Amino acid sequence: MFRSLLPALAALGLLWAGAASAEDYKAGDLLISNPWSRATATGAKVGAGYFTLTNQGSTPDRLVSVSSDFSEKAEMHETTTENGVSRMRPISGGLEIKPGETIRFEPGGKHLMFLGLRQPLKQGESVKGAVVFQKAGKVDLDFAVKAVGASPKAGDTGGVKRMDHAN
């Protein structure tokens, strides 16, 4: 019986792979994959954005700015942990992407901060933002809004961490 299901399962796998590629954006030699955000509570003033950025070319580029239609301001941030305390800081001067390099914007590391949300981010919806590169230019993105505790890692529900937002 299982063998008779294999062709159907393979076809579903191809459909899933095709759906995943719809979340990719290409700008010159740069590939931006799977932009997403977490849902926020009503009245929340901040949200975060995540994606994977790969330089498939032979020359570096620089991510110089970010923006969103749904917040007053958007910034690149990085979280570091020292003595058990996580600290979030803006990334100033942009972020270089070297040839062949992949940079992951994910919870607990590099990420986008959406400050002054104009609306709650609701699971199942998508919101519009943009990233601007020194060479590749502006790329408009749709961030898929996932569950509050969503993570790029399967089975990870997102733990609560102590965070210091001081600049």
N, C-alpha and C. Protein backbone atom coordinates (compact mmCIF):
# COMPACT_ATOMS: atom_id res chain seq x y z
N MET A 1 0.83 -1.19 0.00
CA MET A 1 0.00 0.00 0.00
C MET A 1 0.87 1.25 0.00
N PHE A 2 1.96 1.24 0.82
CA PHE A 2 2.83 2.42 0.90
C PHE A 2 3.45 2.73 -0.47
N ARG A 3 3.84 1.67 -1.20
CA ARG A 3 4.46 1.87 -2.52
C ARG A 3 3.51 2.56 -3.48
N SER A 4 2.23 2.29 -3.37
CA SER A 4 1.27 2.94 -4.27
C SER A 4 1.10 4.42 -3.95
N LEU A 5 1.48 4.82 -2.74
CA LEU A 5 1.40 6.23 -2.37
C LEU A 5 2.62 7.04 -2.79
N LEU A 6 3.72 6.37 -3.11
CA LEU A 6 4.96 7.07 -3.43
C LEU A 6 4.82 8.07 -4.57
N PRO A 7 4.18 7.74 -5.72
CA PRO A 7 4.05 8.75 -6.78
C PRO A 7 3.26 9.98 -6.32
N ALA A 8 2.22 9.77 -5.55
CA ALA A 8 1.41 10.89 -5.06
C ALA A 8 2.22 11.76 -4.11
N LEU A 9 2.99 11.12 -3.21
CA LEU A 9 3.84 11.87 -2.28
C LEU A 9 4.92 12.65 -3.03
N ALA A 10 5.49 12.06 -4.05
CA ALA A 10 6.51 12.74 -4.86
C ALA A 10 5.91 13.96 -5.54
N ALA A 11 4.70 13.82 -6.07
CA ALA A 11 4.03 14.95 -6.72
C ALA A 11 3.76 16.07 -5.73
N LEU A 12 3.33 15.71 -4.52
CA LEU A 12 3.12 16.72 -3.49
C LEU A 12 4.42 17.44 -3.14
N GLY A 13 5.51 16.69 -3.10
CA GLY A 13 6.81 17.30 -2.83
C GLY A 13 7.18 18.31 -3.89
N LEU A 14 6.91 18.01 -5.15
CA LEU A 14 7.18 18.96 -6.23
C LEU A 14 6.31 20.19 -6.11
N LEU A 15 5.06 20.01 -5.76
CA LEU A 15 4.18 21.17 -5.56
C LEU A 15 4.68 22.04 -4.42
N TRP A 16 5.11 21.42 -3.32
CA TRP A 16 5.62 22.18 -2.18
C TRP A 16 6.88 22.93 -2.57
N ALA A 17 7.78 22.30 -3.32
CA ALA A 17 9.02 22.96 -3.75
C ALA A 17 8.71 24.14 -4.63
N GLY A 18 7.70 24.02 -5.50
CA GLY A 18 7.31 25.15 -6.35
C GLY A 18 6.76 26.29 -5.54
N ALA A 19 6.00 25.97 -4.48
CA ALA A 19 5.44 27.02 -3.63
C ALA A 19 6.55 27.76 -2.90
N ALA A 20 7.59 27.04 -2.47
CA ALA A 20 8.69 27.67 -1.75
C ALA A 20 9.43 28.65 -2.64
N SER A 21 9.57 28.34 -3.93
CA SER A 21 10.31 29.23 -4.82
C SER A 21 9.55 30.53 -5.06
N ALA A 22 8.24 30.55 -4.83
CA ALA A 22 7.46 31.78 -4.99
C ALA A 22 7.85 32.82 -3.94
N GLU A 23 8.54 32.38 -2.88
CA GLU A 23 8.96 33.28 -1.82
C GLU A 23 10.36 33.84 -2.06
N ASP A 24 10.96 33.55 -3.22
CA ASP A 24 12.30 34.01 -3.52
C ASP A 24 12.24 35.27 -4.37
N TYR A 25 13.21 36.16 -4.13
CA TYR A 25 13.33 37.40 -4.88
C TYR A 25 14.76 37.50 -5.38
N LYS A 26 14.93 37.90 -6.62
CA LYS A 26 16.25 38.00 -7.23
C LYS A 26 16.51 39.46 -7.57
N ALA A 27 17.71 39.94 -7.22
CA ALA A 27 18.16 41.29 -7.56
C ALA A 27 19.62 41.18 -7.98
N GLY A 28 19.88 41.22 -9.27
CA GLY A 28 21.23 41.00 -9.75
C GLY A 28 21.69 39.62 -9.32
N ASP A 29 22.83 39.56 -8.63
CA ASP A 29 23.37 38.28 -8.15
C ASP A 29 22.88 37.91 -6.75
N LEU A 30 21.97 38.72 -6.20
CA LEU A 30 21.48 38.47 -4.84
C LEU A 30 20.17 37.70 -4.87
N LEU A 31 20.04 36.74 -3.96
CA LEU A 31 18.82 35.97 -3.80
C LEU A 31 18.30 36.20 -2.40
N ILE A 32 17.07 36.65 -2.29
CA ILE A 32 16.41 36.87 -1.01
C ILE A 32 15.32 35.81 -0.90
N SER A 33 15.41 34.98 0.13
CA SER A 33 14.49 33.85 0.27
C SER A 33 13.65 33.97 1.54
N ASN A 34 12.38 33.59 1.39
CA ASN A 34 11.46 33.39 2.51
C ASN A 34 11.35 34.57 3.48
N PRO A 35 10.99 35.76 3.01
CA PRO A 35 10.76 36.85 3.98
C PRO A 35 9.52 36.55 4.82
N TRP A 36 9.66 36.69 6.13
CA TRP A 36 8.54 36.42 7.03
C TRP A 36 8.63 37.27 8.27
N SER A 37 7.54 37.32 9.00
CA SER A 37 7.45 38.06 10.25
C SER A 37 6.57 37.26 11.20
N ARG A 38 6.61 37.63 12.47
CA ARG A 38 5.73 37.00 13.46
C ARG A 38 4.52 37.89 13.70
N ALA A 39 3.41 37.25 13.98
CA ALA A 39 2.20 37.99 14.35
C ALA A 39 2.47 38.78 15.63
N THR A 40 1.78 39.91 15.76
CA THR A 40 1.92 40.76 16.95
C THR A 40 0.56 40.94 17.62
N ALA A 41 0.61 41.30 18.88
CA ALA A 41 -0.63 41.59 19.62
C ALA A 41 -1.19 42.93 19.18
N THR A 42 -2.50 43.09 19.32
CA THR A 42 -3.12 44.38 19.06
C THR A 42 -2.48 45.43 19.95
N GLY A 43 -2.11 46.56 19.39
CA GLY A 43 -1.49 47.63 20.15
C GLY A 43 0.02 47.56 20.22
N ALA A 44 0.62 46.46 19.75
CA ALA A 44 2.08 46.35 19.75
C ALA A 44 2.66 47.42 18.84
N LYS A 45 3.77 47.97 19.23
CA LYS A 45 4.42 49.04 18.45
C LYS A 45 5.65 48.57 17.68
N VAL A 46 6.11 47.34 17.94
CA VAL A 46 7.28 46.81 17.22
C VAL A 46 7.01 45.41 16.70
N GLY A 47 7.66 45.10 15.59
CA GLY A 47 7.62 43.78 15.01
C GLY A 47 9.00 43.49 14.43
N ALA A 48 9.17 42.29 13.91
CA ALA A 48 10.47 41.91 13.35
C ALA A 48 10.28 41.20 12.03
N GLY A 49 11.31 41.25 11.19
CA GLY A 49 11.29 40.60 9.90
C GLY A 49 12.52 39.74 9.71
N TYR A 50 12.35 38.67 8.96
CA TYR A 50 13.41 37.69 8.77
C TYR A 50 13.44 37.23 7.31
N PHE A 51 14.60 36.80 6.85
CA PHE A 51 14.77 36.24 5.51
C PHE A 51 16.19 35.69 5.40
N THR A 52 16.47 35.04 4.29
CA THR A 52 17.82 34.56 4.00
C THR A 52 18.32 35.30 2.77
N LEU A 53 19.56 35.76 2.83
CA LEU A 53 20.15 36.56 1.76
C LEU A 53 21.42 35.86 1.28
N THR A 54 21.49 35.57 -0.02
CA THR A 54 22.64 34.88 -0.60
C THR A 54 23.20 35.69 -1.76
N ASN A 55 24.52 35.88 -1.76
CA ASN A 55 25.20 36.52 -2.88
C ASN A 55 25.72 35.41 -3.78
N GLN A 56 25.10 35.24 -4.94
CA GLN A 56 25.47 34.18 -5.87
C GLN A 56 26.49 34.65 -6.89
N GLY A 57 26.97 35.89 -6.75
CA GLY A 57 27.88 36.46 -7.72
C GLY A 57 29.34 36.40 -7.29
N SER A 58 30.15 37.16 -8.02
CA SER A 58 31.59 37.17 -7.76
C SER A 58 32.08 38.50 -7.18
N THR A 59 31.14 39.44 -6.92
CA THR A 59 31.50 40.72 -6.31
C THR A 59 30.61 40.98 -5.10
N PRO A 60 31.14 41.69 -4.10
CA PRO A 60 30.32 41.98 -2.92
C PRO A 60 29.25 43.03 -3.23
N ASP A 61 28.23 43.06 -2.40
CA ASP A 61 27.22 44.12 -2.43
C ASP A 61 26.97 44.48 -0.98
N ARG A 62 26.17 45.51 -0.74
CA ARG A 62 25.91 45.96 0.62
C ARG A 62 24.43 46.25 0.76
N LEU A 63 23.82 45.68 1.80
CA LEU A 63 22.45 46.01 2.18
C LEU A 63 22.53 47.33 2.93
N VAL A 64 21.98 48.41 2.35
CA VAL A 64 22.18 49.74 2.92
C VAL A 64 20.98 50.27 3.69
N SER A 65 19.76 49.82 3.36
CA SER A 65 18.59 50.30 4.11
C SER A 65 17.41 49.36 3.93
N VAL A 66 16.44 49.52 4.83
CA VAL A 66 15.21 48.74 4.80
C VAL A 66 14.05 49.68 5.08
N SER A 67 12.86 49.31 4.61
CA SER A 67 11.67 50.12 4.86
C SER A 67 10.45 49.22 4.87
N SER A 68 9.34 49.75 5.35
CA SER A 68 8.08 48.99 5.32
C SER A 68 6.92 49.96 5.17
N ASP A 69 5.84 49.43 4.58
CA ASP A 69 4.61 50.21 4.44
C ASP A 69 3.79 50.22 5.72
N PHE A 70 4.06 49.30 6.64
CA PHE A 70 3.20 49.09 7.79
C PHE A 70 3.80 49.61 9.10
N SER A 71 4.96 50.27 9.02
CA SER A 71 5.56 50.85 10.22
C SER A 71 6.16 52.21 9.90
N GLU A 72 6.35 53.01 10.94
CA GLU A 72 6.92 54.33 10.75
C GLU A 72 8.40 54.26 10.36
N LYS A 73 9.09 53.24 10.84
CA LYS A 73 10.52 53.12 10.63
C LYS A 73 10.90 51.65 10.58
N ALA A 74 11.93 51.33 9.80
CA ALA A 74 12.47 49.97 9.76
C ALA A 74 13.99 50.07 9.84
N GLU A 75 14.58 49.15 10.61
CA GLU A 75 16.03 49.16 10.81
C GLU A 75 16.55 47.73 10.78
N MET A 76 17.85 47.60 10.46
CA MET A 76 18.55 46.33 10.60
C MET A 76 19.11 46.27 12.01
N HIS A 77 18.91 45.14 12.69
CA HIS A 77 19.42 44.96 14.05
C HIS A 77 20.16 43.64 14.16
N GLU A 78 20.96 43.54 15.21
CA GLU A 78 21.64 42.29 15.51
C GLU A 78 21.54 42.04 17.01
N THR A 79 21.25 40.81 17.38
CA THR A 79 21.18 40.42 18.78
C THR A 79 22.46 39.68 19.14
N THR A 80 23.06 40.07 20.24
CA THR A 80 24.22 39.37 20.78
C THR A 80 23.90 39.00 22.22
N THR A 81 24.53 37.93 22.71
CA THR A 81 24.31 37.49 24.09
C THR A 81 25.63 37.53 24.83
N GLU A 82 25.60 38.21 25.99
CA GLU A 82 26.79 38.31 26.83
C GLU A 82 26.36 38.14 28.27
N ASN A 83 27.00 37.21 28.97
CA ASN A 83 26.68 36.91 30.37
C ASN A 83 25.20 36.58 30.55
N GLY A 84 24.63 35.86 29.60
CA GLY A 84 23.25 35.44 29.69
C GLY A 84 22.22 36.50 29.37
N VAL A 85 22.66 37.70 28.97
CA VAL A 85 21.74 38.77 28.63
C VAL A 85 21.85 39.07 27.14
N SER A 86 20.72 39.02 26.45
CA SER A 86 20.71 39.35 25.03
C SER A 86 20.54 40.85 24.86
N ARG A 87 21.34 41.40 23.96
CA ARG A 87 21.27 42.83 23.66
C ARG A 87 21.05 43.00 22.16
N MET A 88 20.16 43.92 21.83
CA MET A 88 19.86 44.20 20.44
C MET A 88 20.40 45.59 20.10
N ARG A 89 21.12 45.67 19.00
CA ARG A 89 21.72 46.91 18.54
C ARG A 89 21.43 47.11 17.06
N PRO A 90 21.22 48.35 16.65
CA PRO A 90 21.11 48.62 15.21
C PRO A 90 22.42 48.30 14.51
N ILE A 91 22.33 47.84 13.27
CA ILE A 91 23.51 47.63 12.43
C ILE A 91 23.71 48.93 11.66
N SER A 92 24.79 49.64 11.97
CA SER A 92 25.02 50.92 11.30
C SER A 92 25.99 50.72 10.14
N GLY A 93 25.84 51.54 9.12
CA GLY A 93 26.73 51.48 7.97
C GLY A 93 26.38 50.40 6.96
N GLY A 94 25.25 49.74 7.13
CA GLY A 94 24.85 48.70 6.21
C GLY A 94 25.51 47.37 6.52
N LEU A 95 25.29 46.41 5.66
CA LEU A 95 25.77 45.05 5.89
C LEU A 95 26.32 44.50 4.58
N GLU A 96 27.62 44.20 4.54
CA GLU A 96 28.24 43.67 3.33
C GLU A 96 27.88 42.20 3.15
N ILE A 97 27.58 41.84 1.89
CA ILE A 97 27.33 40.45 1.54
C ILE A 97 28.43 40.06 0.56
N LYS A 98 29.35 39.22 1.02
CA LYS A 98 30.50 38.82 0.21
C LYS A 98 30.09 37.79 -0.84
N PRO A 99 30.86 37.66 -1.92
CA PRO A 99 30.55 36.64 -2.93
C PRO A 99 30.46 35.25 -2.31
N GLY A 100 29.40 34.53 -2.65
CA GLY A 100 29.20 33.19 -2.13
C GLY A 100 28.65 33.11 -0.72
N GLU A 101 28.49 34.25 -0.06
CA GLU A 101 28.05 34.27 1.34
C GLU A 101 26.53 34.20 1.46
N THR A 102 26.06 33.53 2.50
CA THR A 102 24.65 33.51 2.87
C THR A 102 24.53 34.10 4.27
N ILE A 103 23.65 35.08 4.40
CA ILE A 103 23.37 35.72 5.69
C ILE A 103 21.92 35.43 6.05
N ARG A 104 21.72 34.91 7.26
CA ARG A 104 20.37 34.60 7.72
C ARG A 104 19.90 35.66 8.70
N PHE A 105 18.77 36.26 8.39
CA PHE A 105 18.09 37.16 9.32
C PHE A 105 17.07 36.28 10.01
N GLU A 106 17.29 36.04 11.32
CA GLU A 106 16.45 35.09 12.04
C GLU A 106 16.35 35.49 13.50
N PRO A 107 15.34 34.96 14.20
CA PRO A 107 15.20 35.28 15.62
C PRO A 107 16.50 34.97 16.38
N GLY A 108 16.91 35.89 17.23
CA GLY A 108 18.10 35.70 18.04
C GLY A 108 19.39 36.10 17.36
N GLY A 109 19.32 36.63 16.16
CA GLY A 109 20.51 37.05 15.41
C GLY A 109 20.23 38.34 14.67
N LYS A 110 20.70 38.41 13.45
CA LYS A 110 20.39 39.56 12.60
C LYS A 110 18.90 39.52 12.27
N HIS A 111 18.26 40.67 12.24
CA HIS A 111 16.84 40.74 11.92
C HIS A 111 16.48 42.18 11.56
N LEU A 112 15.29 42.36 11.01
CA LEU A 112 14.76 43.69 10.77
C LEU A 112 13.84 44.05 11.92
N MET A 113 13.90 45.30 12.35
CA MET A 113 12.96 45.79 13.36
C MET A 113 12.02 46.76 12.67
N PHE A 114 10.73 46.55 12.87
CA PHE A 114 9.69 47.43 12.36
C PHE A 114 9.17 48.23 13.55
N LEU A 115 9.48 49.51 13.58
CA LEU A 115 9.18 50.37 14.73
C LEU A 115 8.00 51.28 14.42
N GLY A 116 7.11 51.43 15.39
CA GLY A 116 5.92 52.26 15.18
C GLY A 116 4.93 51.59 14.25
N LEU A 117 4.56 50.34 14.57
CA LEU A 117 3.61 49.61 13.72
C LEU A 117 2.33 50.41 13.54
N ARG A 118 1.85 50.48 12.32
CA ARG A 118 0.59 51.17 12.00
C ARG A 118 -0.61 50.23 12.11
N GLN A 119 -0.32 48.94 12.21
CA GLN A 119 -1.37 47.91 12.28
C GLN A 119 -0.77 46.68 12.93
N PRO A 120 -1.59 45.85 13.57
CA PRO A 120 -1.06 44.59 14.08
C PRO A 120 -0.69 43.67 12.91
N LEU A 121 0.31 42.85 13.10
CA LEU A 121 0.68 41.86 12.09
C LEU A 121 -0.11 40.60 12.40
N LYS A 122 -0.98 40.19 11.47
CA LYS A 122 -1.91 39.09 11.70
C LYS A 122 -1.47 37.83 10.96
N GLN A 123 -1.42 36.73 11.70
CA GLN A 123 -1.04 35.44 11.12
C GLN A 123 -1.88 35.15 9.89
N GLY A 124 -1.21 34.69 8.83
CA GLY A 124 -1.90 34.33 7.59
C GLY A 124 -1.93 35.45 6.58
N GLU A 125 -1.63 36.67 7.00
CA GLU A 125 -1.59 37.80 6.07
C GLU A 125 -0.15 38.01 5.60
N SER A 126 0.04 38.96 4.70
CA SER A 126 1.38 39.37 4.32
C SER A 126 1.44 40.89 4.35
N VAL A 127 2.63 41.42 4.60
CA VAL A 127 2.84 42.86 4.67
C VAL A 127 4.00 43.23 3.76
N LYS A 128 3.97 44.46 3.26
CA LYS A 128 4.96 44.89 2.27
C LYS A 128 6.11 45.66 2.91
N GLY A 129 7.31 45.32 2.47
CA GLY A 129 8.52 46.01 2.89
C GLY A 129 9.48 46.07 1.72
N ALA A 130 10.65 46.63 1.96
CA ALA A 130 11.66 46.71 0.90
C ALA A 130 13.04 46.71 1.52
N VAL A 131 13.99 46.22 0.74
CA VAL A 131 15.40 46.29 1.09
C VAL A 131 16.12 46.99 -0.05
N VAL A 132 17.17 47.75 0.29
CA VAL A 132 17.91 48.49 -0.74
C VAL A 132 19.38 48.10 -0.64
N PHE A 133 19.94 47.73 -1.79
CA PHE A 133 21.33 47.33 -1.89
C PHE A 133 22.12 48.40 -2.65
N GLN A 134 23.39 48.52 -2.31
CA GLN A 134 24.25 49.51 -2.94
C GLN A 134 24.32 49.30 -4.46
N LYS A 135 24.47 48.07 -4.91
CA LYS A 135 24.59 47.78 -6.35
C LYS A 135 23.30 47.27 -6.96
N ALA A 136 22.64 46.35 -6.29
CA ALA A 136 21.46 45.69 -6.86
C ALA A 136 20.21 46.56 -6.79
N GLY A 137 20.22 47.63 -5.98
CA GLY A 137 19.07 48.52 -5.89
C GLY A 137 17.99 48.05 -4.94
N LYS A 138 16.80 48.59 -5.15
CA LYS A 138 15.66 48.33 -4.27
C LYS A 138 14.93 47.05 -4.68
N VAL A 139 14.54 46.27 -3.66
CA VAL A 139 13.76 45.06 -3.89
C VAL A 139 12.55 45.12 -2.97
N ASP A 140 11.35 45.10 -3.55
CA ASP A 140 10.11 45.05 -2.77
C ASP A 140 9.86 43.62 -2.33
N LEU A 141 9.47 43.45 -1.07
CA LEU A 141 9.25 42.12 -0.50
C LEU A 141 7.86 42.02 0.11
N ASP A 142 7.30 40.84 0.08
CA ASP A 142 6.08 40.52 0.84
C ASP A 142 6.51 39.62 1.98
N PHE A 143 6.30 40.08 3.22
CA PHE A 143 6.63 39.30 4.41
C PHE A 143 5.40 38.50 4.83
N ALA A 144 5.48 37.18 4.77
CA ALA A 144 4.40 36.31 5.23
C ALA A 144 4.36 36.38 6.75
N VAL A 145 3.20 36.65 7.32
CA VAL A 145 3.07 36.74 8.78
C VAL A 145 2.70 35.36 9.31
N LYS A 146 3.61 34.84 10.15
CA LYS A 146 3.42 33.52 10.75
C LYS A 146 2.98 33.66 12.20
N ALA A 147 2.82 32.55 12.88
CA ALA A 147 2.36 32.53 14.27
C ALA A 147 3.31 33.29 15.19
N VAL A 148 2.81 33.70 16.35
CA VAL A 148 3.58 34.47 17.32
C VAL A 148 4.91 33.80 17.65
N GLY A 149 4.95 32.52 17.90
CA GLY A 149 6.18 31.84 18.29
C GLY A 149 6.90 31.17 17.14
N ALA A 150 6.59 31.53 15.90
CA ALA A 150 7.16 30.86 14.73
C ALA A 150 8.67 30.99 14.69
N SER A 151 9.29 29.99 14.07
CA SER A 151 10.73 29.95 13.93
C SER A 151 11.08 29.33 12.60
N PRO A 152 12.25 29.64 12.04
CA PRO A 152 12.63 29.00 10.80
C PRO A 152 12.99 27.53 10.99
N LYS A 153 13.19 27.09 12.23
CA LYS A 153 13.56 25.70 12.52
C LYS A 153 12.31 24.89 12.85
N ALA A 154 12.18 23.75 12.21
CA ALA A 154 11.01 22.89 12.43
C ALA A 154 10.91 22.49 13.89
N GLY A 155 9.71 22.60 14.44
CA GLY A 155 9.47 22.16 15.80
C GLY A 155 9.84 23.19 16.86
N ASP A 156 10.46 24.29 16.47
CA ASP A 156 10.84 25.33 17.44
C ASP A 156 9.67 26.28 17.60
N THR A 157 9.16 26.38 18.80
CA THR A 157 8.01 27.25 19.05
C THR A 157 8.43 28.64 19.50
N GLY A 158 9.72 28.88 19.63
CA GLY A 158 10.19 30.21 20.01
C GLY A 158 10.16 30.38 21.50
N GLY A 159 11.28 30.35 22.14
CA GLY A 159 11.34 30.51 23.58
C GLY A 159 11.38 31.97 23.99
N VAL A 160 11.12 32.23 25.25
CA VAL A 160 11.18 33.59 25.78
C VAL A 160 12.59 33.83 26.27
N LYS A 161 13.18 34.94 25.86
CA LYS A 161 14.53 35.29 26.30
C LYS A 161 14.51 36.67 26.91
N ARG A 162 15.43 36.89 27.82
CA ARG A 162 15.60 38.22 28.41
C ARG A 162 16.31 39.09 27.40
N MET A 163 15.79 40.28 27.11
CA MET A 163 16.33 41.14 26.08
C MET A 163 16.51 42.55 26.59
N ASP A 164 17.67 43.12 26.37
CA ASP A 164 17.96 44.51 26.70
C ASP A 164 17.97 45.29 25.40
N HIS A 165 17.04 46.23 25.23
CA HIS A 165 16.91 47.00 24.00
C HIS A 165 17.66 48.32 24.06
N ALA A 166 18.58 48.48 24.98
CA ALA A 166 19.33 49.73 25.11
C ALA A 166 20.22 49.93 23.89
N ASN A 167 20.42 51.19 23.52
CA ASN A 167 21.29 51.49 22.37
C ASN A 167 22.70 51.71 22.81
